[in-house]
Amino acid sequence: MKNLKSKIIFSFLILIFLFYFLFNFGFKIIFSVSSLIGNLNNKIYPTPNIPKENFIGELSIDSIPQATNSANFLVQGKAVNFDSVYFYLNNEKIKKIDLEGETDFLEEIDKLKEGKNLLYAIAKNKDYSKKTPVYEILYKSKKPKLEISQPKDGEESLNQEIIIKGITDKETFIKINDAPVTVDALGNFELTITLKNEGENIIQITAEDIAGNIETKEIKVFYKK
């Protein structure tokens, strides 16, 4: 009888200990294990991001010259669903225009530097912005080189056919008496022409570069039969 009471008391104490342990530590362990399993599930099955509403906006520019002989030129374009357009020349902000509900714009760009220039625009509203491609513009204000090495001005020729030789800059177009002439990679050109008149013949050579600069020279050749 005494042993039975001892067993009951011992069992009661173990039960109390189990309840105490479960109350103080067991729920925390269960919660931690559940959280761990939940995180693993999240890694395996991530919650997809809900994309933002697509914004429809347009920014376009046309009438950009590849080369020019003027430091100023006009830029024409369109900006839809934007409030302002900012212009950048050689990575410096040079101008801002407020659209005020308009979509088309026409703006003058000035102060190009001699040589290569980079131009782009950025349209902005409260939440969005859009950038154009970067445009490269060559500014040349000087006339192209034009040197005639053959024949000399005032030269006399006993042959009706003569060879015109000279040199100019790269990327320059040559015409001799309005006839196009091929220019090589070094700027050399050559053309055989027929003298039309006995006596004085005026030969006109014109050089025009990609920026529109023109240089013209005239030489006189006297044909004697």
C-alpha atoms as a PDB file:
ATOM      1  CA  MET A   1       0.000   0.000   0.000  1.00  0.00           C
ATOM      2  CA  LYS A   2       2.817   2.295   0.844  1.00  0.00           C
ATOM      3  CA  ASN A   3       4.564   1.524  -2.480  1.00  0.00           C
ATOM      4  CA  LEU A   4       1.357   2.278  -4.385  1.00  0.00           C
ATOM      5  CA  LYS A   5       1.094   5.718  -2.819  1.00  0.00           C
ATOM      6  CA  SER A   6       4.685   6.389  -3.667  1.00  0.00           C
ATOM      7  CA  LYS A   7       4.100   5.430  -7.308  1.00  0.00           C
ATOM      8  CA  ILE A   8       1.016   7.648  -7.514  1.00  0.00           C
ATOM      9  CA  ILE A   9       2.859  10.601  -6.022  1.00  0.00           C
ATOM     10  CA  PHE A  10       5.820  10.035  -8.361  1.00  0.00           C
ATOM     11  CA  SER A  11       3.555   9.792 -11.392  1.00  0.00           C
ATOM     12  CA  PHE A  12       1.741  12.948 -10.298  1.00  0.00           C
ATOM     13  CA  LEU A  13       5.046  14.828  -9.992  1.00  0.00           C
ATOM     14  CA  ILE A  14       6.149  13.686 -13.468  1.00  0.00           C
ATOM     15  CA  LEU A  15       2.813  14.809 -14.906  1.00  0.00           C
ATOM     16  CA  ILE A  16       3.182  18.223 -13.261  1.00  0.00           C
ATOM     17  CA  PHE A  17       6.729  18.511 -14.676  1.00  0.00           C
ATOM     18  CA  LEU A  18       5.555  17.597 -18.175  1.00  0.00           C
ATOM     19  CA  PHE A  19       2.790  20.228 -18.021  1.00  0.00           C
ATOM     20  CA  TYR A  20       5.294  22.820 -16.780  1.00  0.00           C
ATOM     21  CA  PHE A  21       7.813  21.967 -19.498  1.00  0.00           C
ATOM     22  CA  LEU A  22       5.184  21.985 -22.220  1.00  0.00           C
ATOM     23  CA  PHE A  23       3.730  25.290 -21.073  1.00  0.00           C
ATOM     24  CA  ASN A  24       7.090  27.059 -20.821  1.00  0.00           C
ATOM     25  CA  PHE A  25       9.107  25.479 -23.626  1.00  0.00           C
ATOM     26  CA  GLY A  26       6.975  23.194 -25.727  1.00  0.00           C
ATOM     27  CA  PHE A  27       4.844  25.850 -27.455  1.00  0.00           C
ATOM     28  CA  LYS A  28       7.959  27.837 -28.318  1.00  0.00           C
ATOM     29  CA  ILE A  29       9.566  24.783 -29.891  1.00  0.00           C
ATOM     30  CA  ILE A  30       6.413  23.972 -31.852  1.00  0.00           C
ATOM     31  CA  PHE A  31       6.166  27.584 -33.068  1.00  0.00           C
ATOM     32  CA  SER A  32       9.843  27.634 -34.141  1.00  0.00           C
ATOM     33  CA  VAL A  33       9.527  24.367 -36.019  1.00  0.00           C
ATOM     34  CA  SER A  34       6.366  25.591 -37.749  1.00  0.00           C
ATOM     35  CA  SER A  35       8.081  28.839 -38.761  1.00  0.00           C
ATOM     36  CA  LEU A  36      11.065  26.929 -40.145  1.00  0.00           C
ATOM     37  CA  ILE A  37       8.813  24.707 -42.227  1.00  0.00           C
ATOM     38  CA  GLY A  38       6.918  27.774 -43.434  1.00  0.00           C
ATOM     39  CA  ASN A  39      10.123  29.499 -44.545  1.00  0.00           C
ATOM     40  CA  LEU A  40      11.229  26.408 -46.408  1.00  0.00           C
ATOM     41  CA  ASN A  41       7.906  26.308 -48.190  1.00  0.00           C
ATOM     42  CA  ASN A  42       8.253  29.987 -49.084  1.00  0.00           C
ATOM     43  CA  LYS A  43      11.653  29.317 -50.653  1.00  0.00           C
ATOM     44  CA  ILE A  44      10.321  26.459 -52.656  1.00  0.00           C
ATOM     45  CA  TYR A  45       7.103  28.223 -53.618  1.00  0.00           C
ATOM     46  CA  PRO A  46       7.852  31.998 -53.646  1.00  0.00           C
ATOM     47  CA  THR A  47       4.977  34.395 -53.718  1.00  0.00           C
ATOM     48  CA  PRO A  48       4.881  36.009 -57.164  1.00  0.00           C
ATOM     49  CA  ASN A  49       5.316  39.804 -57.374  1.00  0.00           C
ATOM     50  CA  ILE A  50       2.300  41.629 -58.656  1.00  0.00           C
ATOM     51  CA  PRO A  51       3.492  43.827 -61.560  1.00  0.00           C
ATOM     52  CA  LYS A  52       2.731  47.526 -61.472  1.00  0.00           C
ATOM     53  CA  GLU A  53       0.271  48.940 -63.927  1.00  0.00           C
ATOM     54  CA  ASN A  54       1.974  49.445 -67.312  1.00  0.00           C
ATOM     55  CA  PHE A  55       2.642  53.097 -68.114  1.00  0.00           C
ATOM     56  CA  ILE A  56       2.132  54.186 -71.707  1.00  0.00           C
ATOM     57  CA  GLY A  57       4.351  57.117 -72.617  1.00  0.00           C
ATOM     58  CA  GLU A  58       6.090  58.193 -75.824  1.00  0.00           C
ATOM     59  CA  LEU A  59       9.164  60.290 -76.480  1.00  0.00           C
ATOM     60  CA  SER A  60      10.528  60.637 -80.002  1.00  0.00           C
ATOM     61  CA  ILE A  61      12.853  63.037 -81.791  1.00  0.00           C
ATOM     62  CA  ASP A  62      13.364  63.554 -85.503  1.00  0.00           C
ATOM     63  CA  SER A  63      15.152  66.017 -87.801  1.00  0.00           C
ATOM     64  CA  ILE A  64      18.493  65.446 -86.061  1.00  0.00           C
ATOM     65  CA  PRO A  65      21.357  66.212 -88.500  1.00  0.00           C
ATOM     66  CA  GLN A  66      24.342  63.869 -88.604  1.00  0.00           C
ATOM     67  CA  ALA A  67      26.564  66.793 -89.539  1.00  0.00           C
ATOM     68  CA  THR A  68      26.077  70.558 -89.733  1.00  0.00           C
ATOM     69  CA  ASN A  69      28.027  73.728 -90.481  1.00  0.00           C
ATOM     70  CA  SER A  70      25.944  75.774 -88.038  1.00  0.00           C
ATOM     71  CA  ALA A  71      26.214  75.874 -84.246  1.00  0.00           C
ATOM     72  CA  ASN A  72      22.400  76.061 -84.050  1.00  0.00           C
ATOM     73  CA  PHE A  73      19.710  73.703 -85.339  1.00  0.00           C
ATOM     74  CA  LEU A  74      16.058  72.858 -84.669  1.00  0.00           C
ATOM     75  CA  VAL A  75      14.879  69.689 -82.917  1.00  0.00           C
ATOM     76  CA  GLN A  76      11.360  68.463 -83.609  1.00  0.00           C
ATOM     77  CA  GLY A  77       9.668  65.695 -81.646  1.00  0.00           C
ATOM     78  CA  LYS A  78       6.753  64.370 -79.633  1.00  0.00           C
ATOM     79  CA  ALA A  79       6.214  63.578 -75.930  1.00  0.00           C
ATOM     80  CA  VAL A  80       2.992  61.859 -74.843  1.00  0.00           C
ATOM     81  CA  ASN A  81       1.877  61.661 -71.183  1.00  0.00           C
ATOM     82  CA  PHE A  82       4.825  63.694 -69.934  1.00  0.00           C
ATOM     83  CA  ASP A  83       4.986  67.176 -68.412  1.00  0.00           C
ATOM     84  CA  SER A  84       8.492  68.338 -69.328  1.00  0.00           C
ATOM     85  CA  VAL A  85      11.370  67.555 -71.680  1.00  0.00           C
ATOM     86  CA  TYR A  86      15.010  68.145 -70.730  1.00  0.00           C
ATOM     87  CA  PHE A  87      17.758  68.422 -73.367  1.00  0.00           C
ATOM     88  CA  TYR A  88      21.359  67.372 -72.693  1.00  0.00           C
ATOM     89  CA  LEU A  89      24.283  68.394 -74.906  1.00  0.00           C
ATOM     90  CA  ASN A  90      27.624  66.703 -74.246  1.00  0.00           C
ATOM     91  CA  ASN A  91      26.189  65.385 -70.925  1.00  0.00           C
ATOM     92  CA  GLU A  92      25.214  68.859 -69.693  1.00  0.00           C
ATOM     93  CA  LYS A  93      21.584  69.928 -69.238  1.00  0.00           C
ATOM     94  CA  ILE A  94      21.098  72.906 -71.536  1.00  0.00           C
ATOM     95  CA  LYS A  95      17.342  73.385 -71.804  1.00  0.00           C
ATOM     96  CA  LYS A  96      13.962  72.468 -70.315  1.00  0.00           C
ATOM     97  CA  ILE A  97      10.574  72.873 -71.965  1.00  0.00           C
ATOM     98  CA  ASP A  98       7.196  72.537 -70.236  1.00  0.00           C
ATOM     99  CA  LEU A  99       4.661  70.839 -72.468  1.00  0.00           C
ATOM    100  CA  GLU A 100       1.559  72.254 -70.733  1.00  0.00           C
ATOM    101  CA  GLY A 101      -0.728  69.627 -72.250  1.00  0.00           C
ATOM    102  CA  GLU A 102       0.914  69.705 -75.685  1.00  0.00           C
ATOM    103  CA  THR A 103       2.544  66.663 -77.294  1.00  0.00           C
ATOM    104  CA  ASP A 104       4.552  68.104 -80.220  1.00  0.00           C
ATOM    105  CA  PHE A 105       7.531  70.383 -79.674  1.00  0.00           C
ATOM    106  CA  LEU A 106       9.994  72.327 -81.812  1.00  0.00           C
ATOM    107  CA  GLU A 107      13.070  73.624 -80.033  1.00  0.00           C
ATOM    108  CA  GLU A 108      16.330  75.277 -81.032  1.00  0.00           C
ATOM    109  CA  ILE A 109      19.568  73.687 -79.846  1.00  0.00           C
ATOM    110  CA  ASP A 110      22.614  75.947 -79.887  1.00  0.00           C
ATOM    111  CA  LYS A 111      26.231  76.208 -78.785  1.00  0.00           C
ATOM    112  CA  LEU A 112      27.515  73.117 -80.554  1.00  0.00           C
ATOM    113  CA  LYS A 113      31.244  72.712 -80.160  1.00  0.00           C
ATOM    114  CA  GLU A 114      33.562  72.144 -83.109  1.00  0.00           C
ATOM    115  CA  GLY A 115      33.783  68.422 -83.840  1.00  0.00           C
ATOM    116  CA  LYS A 116      31.645  65.640 -82.382  1.00  0.00           C
ATOM    117  CA  ASN A 117      28.664  66.464 -80.139  1.00  0.00           C
ATOM    118  CA  LEU A 118      26.320  64.153 -78.208  1.00  0.00           C
ATOM    119  CA  LEU A 119      22.654  65.045 -77.763  1.00  0.00           C
ATOM    120  CA  TYR A 120      19.786  63.300 -75.963  1.00  0.00           C
ATOM    121  CA  ALA A 121      16.519  64.222 -74.239  1.00  0.00           C
ATOM    122  CA  ILE A 122      14.639  62.988 -71.155  1.00  0.00           C
ATOM    123  CA  ALA A 123      10.881  63.384 -70.717  1.00  0.00           C
ATOM    124  CA  LYS A 124       9.482  63.398 -67.173  1.00  0.00           C
ATOM    125  CA  ASN A 125       6.261  63.490 -65.233  1.00  0.00           C
ATOM    126  CA  LYS A 126       5.573  63.011 -61.527  1.00  0.00           C
ATOM    127  CA  ASP A 127       6.271  59.270 -61.512  1.00  0.00           C
ATOM    128  CA  TYR A 128       7.968  58.294 -64.748  1.00  0.00           C
ATOM    129  CA  SER A 129      10.752  59.329 -67.117  1.00  0.00           C
ATOM    130  CA  LYS A 130      11.923  58.231 -70.548  1.00  0.00           C
ATOM    131  CA  LYS A 131      15.183  58.838 -72.401  1.00  0.00           C
ATOM    132  CA  THR A 132      15.865  59.050 -76.131  1.00  0.00           C
ATOM    133  CA  PRO A 133      18.837  57.399 -77.804  1.00  0.00           C
ATOM    134  CA  VAL A 134      22.069  59.409 -77.801  1.00  0.00           C
ATOM    135  CA  TYR A 135      22.533  61.219 -81.125  1.00  0.00           C
ATOM    136  CA  GLU A 136      25.989  62.081 -82.499  1.00  0.00           C
ATOM    137  CA  ILE A 137      26.233  65.371 -84.392  1.00  0.00           C
ATOM    138  CA  LEU A 138      29.361  66.558 -86.205  1.00  0.00           C
ATOM    139  CA  TYR A 139      29.819  70.332 -86.289  1.00  0.00           C
ATOM    140  CA  LYS A 140      32.272  71.670 -88.892  1.00  0.00           C
ATOM    141  CA  SER A 141      32.459  75.390 -89.557  1.00  0.00           C
ATOM    142  CA  LYS A 142      35.529  75.434 -91.827  1.00  0.00           C
ATOM    143  CA  LYS A 143      35.624  74.810 -95.557  1.00  0.00           C
ATOM    144  CA  PRO A 144      37.278  71.568 -96.685  1.00  0.00           C
ATOM    145  CA  LYS A 145      40.828  71.545 -97.969  1.00  0.00           C
ATOM    146  CA  LEU A 146      41.120  71.671-101.752  1.00  0.00           C
ATOM    147  CA  GLU A 147      44.543  71.575-103.419  1.00  0.00           C
ATOM    148  CA  ILE A 148      45.053  71.085-107.163  1.00  0.00           C
ATOM    149  CA  SER A 149      48.422  69.555-107.987  1.00  0.00           C
ATOM    150  CA  GLN A 150      47.890  69.067-111.743  1.00  0.00           C
ATOM    151  CA  PRO A 151      47.574  71.037-114.002  1.00  0.00           C
ATOM    152  CA  LYS A 152      48.800  74.441-112.924  1.00  0.00           C
ATOM    153  CA  ASP A 153      46.589  77.467-113.429  1.00  0.00           C
ATOM    154  CA  GLY A 154      47.367  79.034-116.833  1.00  0.00           C
ATOM    155  CA  GLU A 155      49.143  75.938-118.142  1.00  0.00           C
ATOM    156  CA  GLU A 156      49.267  75.236-121.879  1.00  0.00           C
ATOM    157  CA  SER A 157      48.483  71.790-123.259  1.00  0.00           C
ATOM    158  CA  LEU A 158      49.126  70.285-126.677  1.00  0.00           C
ATOM    159  CA  ASN A 159      46.841  67.360-125.807  1.00  0.00           C
ATOM    160  CA  GLN A 160      43.063  67.691-125.784  1.00  0.00           C
ATOM    161  CA  GLU A 161      42.803  65.215-122.895  1.00  0.00           C
ATOM    162  CA  ILE A 162      44.369  66.235-119.577  1.00  0.00           C
ATOM    163  CA  ILE A 163      44.473  64.711-116.096  1.00  0.00           C
ATOM    164  CA  ILE A 164      43.186  66.699-113.103  1.00  0.00           C
ATOM    165  CA  LYS A 165      44.787  65.659-109.800  1.00  0.00           C
ATOM    166  CA  GLY A 166      44.326  67.003-106.287  1.00  0.00           C
ATOM    167  CA  ILE A 167      43.793  66.303-102.610  1.00  0.00           C
ATOM    168  CA  THR A 168      41.018  67.109-100.131  1.00  0.00           C
ATOM    169  CA  ASP A 169      39.820  66.080 -96.691  1.00  0.00           C
ATOM    170  CA  LYS A 170      38.321  62.706 -95.858  1.00  0.00           C
ATOM    171  CA  GLU A 171      34.532  62.329 -96.243  1.00  0.00           C
ATOM    172  CA  THR A 172      34.461  65.085 -98.854  1.00  0.00           C
ATOM    173  CA  PHE A 173      32.710  65.008-102.236  1.00  0.00           C
ATOM    174  CA  ILE A 174      34.493  66.336-105.310  1.00  0.00           C
ATOM    175  CA  LYS A 175      33.012  67.534-108.595  1.00  0.00           C
ATOM    176  CA  ILE A 176      35.007  68.643-111.616  1.00  0.00           C
ATOM    177  CA  ASN A 177      32.862  70.636-114.056  1.00  0.00           C
ATOM    178  CA  ASP A 178      29.820  69.130-112.266  1.00  0.00           C
ATOM    179  CA  ALA A 179      31.050  65.547-112.817  1.00  0.00           C
ATOM    180  CA  PRO A 180      31.362  63.479-109.578  1.00  0.00           C
ATOM    181  CA  VAL A 181      34.878  62.249-108.806  1.00  0.00           C
ATOM    182  CA  THR A 182      35.960  59.347-106.617  1.00  0.00           C
ATOM    183  CA  VAL A 183      37.997  60.311-103.527  1.00  0.00           C
ATOM    184  CA  ASP A 184      40.181  57.651-101.907  1.00  0.00           C
ATOM    185  CA  ALA A 185      40.683  57.037 -98.159  1.00  0.00           C
ATOM    186  CA  LEU A 186      43.547  59.557 -98.044  1.00  0.00           C
ATOM    187  CA  GLY A 187      41.616  62.301 -99.847  1.00  0.00           C
ATOM    188  CA  ASN A 188      43.318  61.956-103.235  1.00  0.00           C
ATOM    189  CA  PHE A 189      41.295  62.346-106.418  1.00  0.00           C
ATOM    190  CA  GLU A 190      41.985  62.155-110.143  1.00  0.00           C
ATOM    191  CA  LEU A 191      39.955  62.598-113.332  1.00  0.00           C
ATOM    192  CA  THR A 192      40.760  62.750-117.044  1.00  0.00           C
ATOM    193  CA  ILE A 193      38.786  65.376-118.947  1.00  0.00           C
ATOM    194  CA  THR A 194      38.594  66.542-122.538  1.00  0.00           C
ATOM    195  CA  LEU A 195      39.280  70.189-123.310  1.00  0.00           C
ATOM    196  CA  LYS A 196      36.371  71.479-125.388  1.00  0.00           C
ATOM    197  CA  ASN A 197      37.777  74.711-126.700  1.00  0.00           C
ATOM    198  CA  GLU A 198      40.888  75.645-128.555  1.00  0.00           C
ATOM    199  CA  GLY A 199      42.534  78.282-126.456  1.00  0.00           C
ATOM    200  CA  GLU A 200      41.189  79.031-122.977  1.00  0.00           C
ATOM    201  CA  ASN A 201      39.309  76.356-120.989  1.00  0.00           C
ATOM    202  CA  ILE A 202      37.981  77.055-117.516  1.00  0.00           C
ATOM    203  CA  ILE A 203      37.894  74.052-115.172  1.00  0.00           C
ATOM    204  CA  GLN A 204      35.870  74.313-111.966  1.00  0.00           C
ATOM    205  CA  ILE A 205      36.611  72.008-109.022  1.00  0.00           C
ATOM    206  CA  THR A 206      34.172  71.902-106.089  1.00  0.00           C
ATOM    207  CA  ALA A 207      34.691  70.213-102.708  1.00  0.00           C
ATOM    208  CA  GLU A 208      31.733  69.724-100.334  1.00  0.00           C
ATOM    209  CA  ASP A 209      32.044  68.010 -96.944  1.00  0.00           C
ATOM    210  CA  ILE A 210      29.348  66.088 -95.036  1.00  0.00           C
ATOM    211  CA  ALA A 211      28.485  69.219 -93.022  1.00  0.00           C
ATOM    212  CA  GLY A 212      27.651  71.200 -96.170  1.00  0.00           C
ATOM    213  CA  ASN A 213      30.763  73.400 -96.283  1.00  0.00           C
ATOM    214  CA  ILE A 214      31.839  74.152 -99.857  1.00  0.00           C
ATOM    215  CA  GLU A 215      35.174  75.192-101.335  1.00  0.00           C
ATOM    216  CA  THR A 216      35.504  75.999-105.042  1.00  0.00           C
ATOM    217  CA  LYS A 217      38.530  76.653-107.241  1.00  0.00           C
ATOM    218  CA  GLU A 218      38.898  77.503-110.907  1.00  0.00           C
ATOM    219  CA  ILE A 219      41.921  76.921-113.114  1.00  0.00           C
ATOM    220  CA  LYS A 220      42.527  77.933-116.709  1.00  0.00           C
ATOM    221  CA  VAL A 221      44.136  75.613-119.237  1.00  0.00           C
ATOM    222  CA  PHE A 222      45.026  76.730-122.769  1.00  0.00           C
ATOM    223  CA  TYR A 223      44.711  74.095-125.463  1.00  0.00           C
ATOM    224  CA  LYS A 224      46.905  74.441-128.542  1.00  0.00           C
ATOM    225  CA  LYS A 225      46.474  72.061-131.437  1.00  0.00           C
END
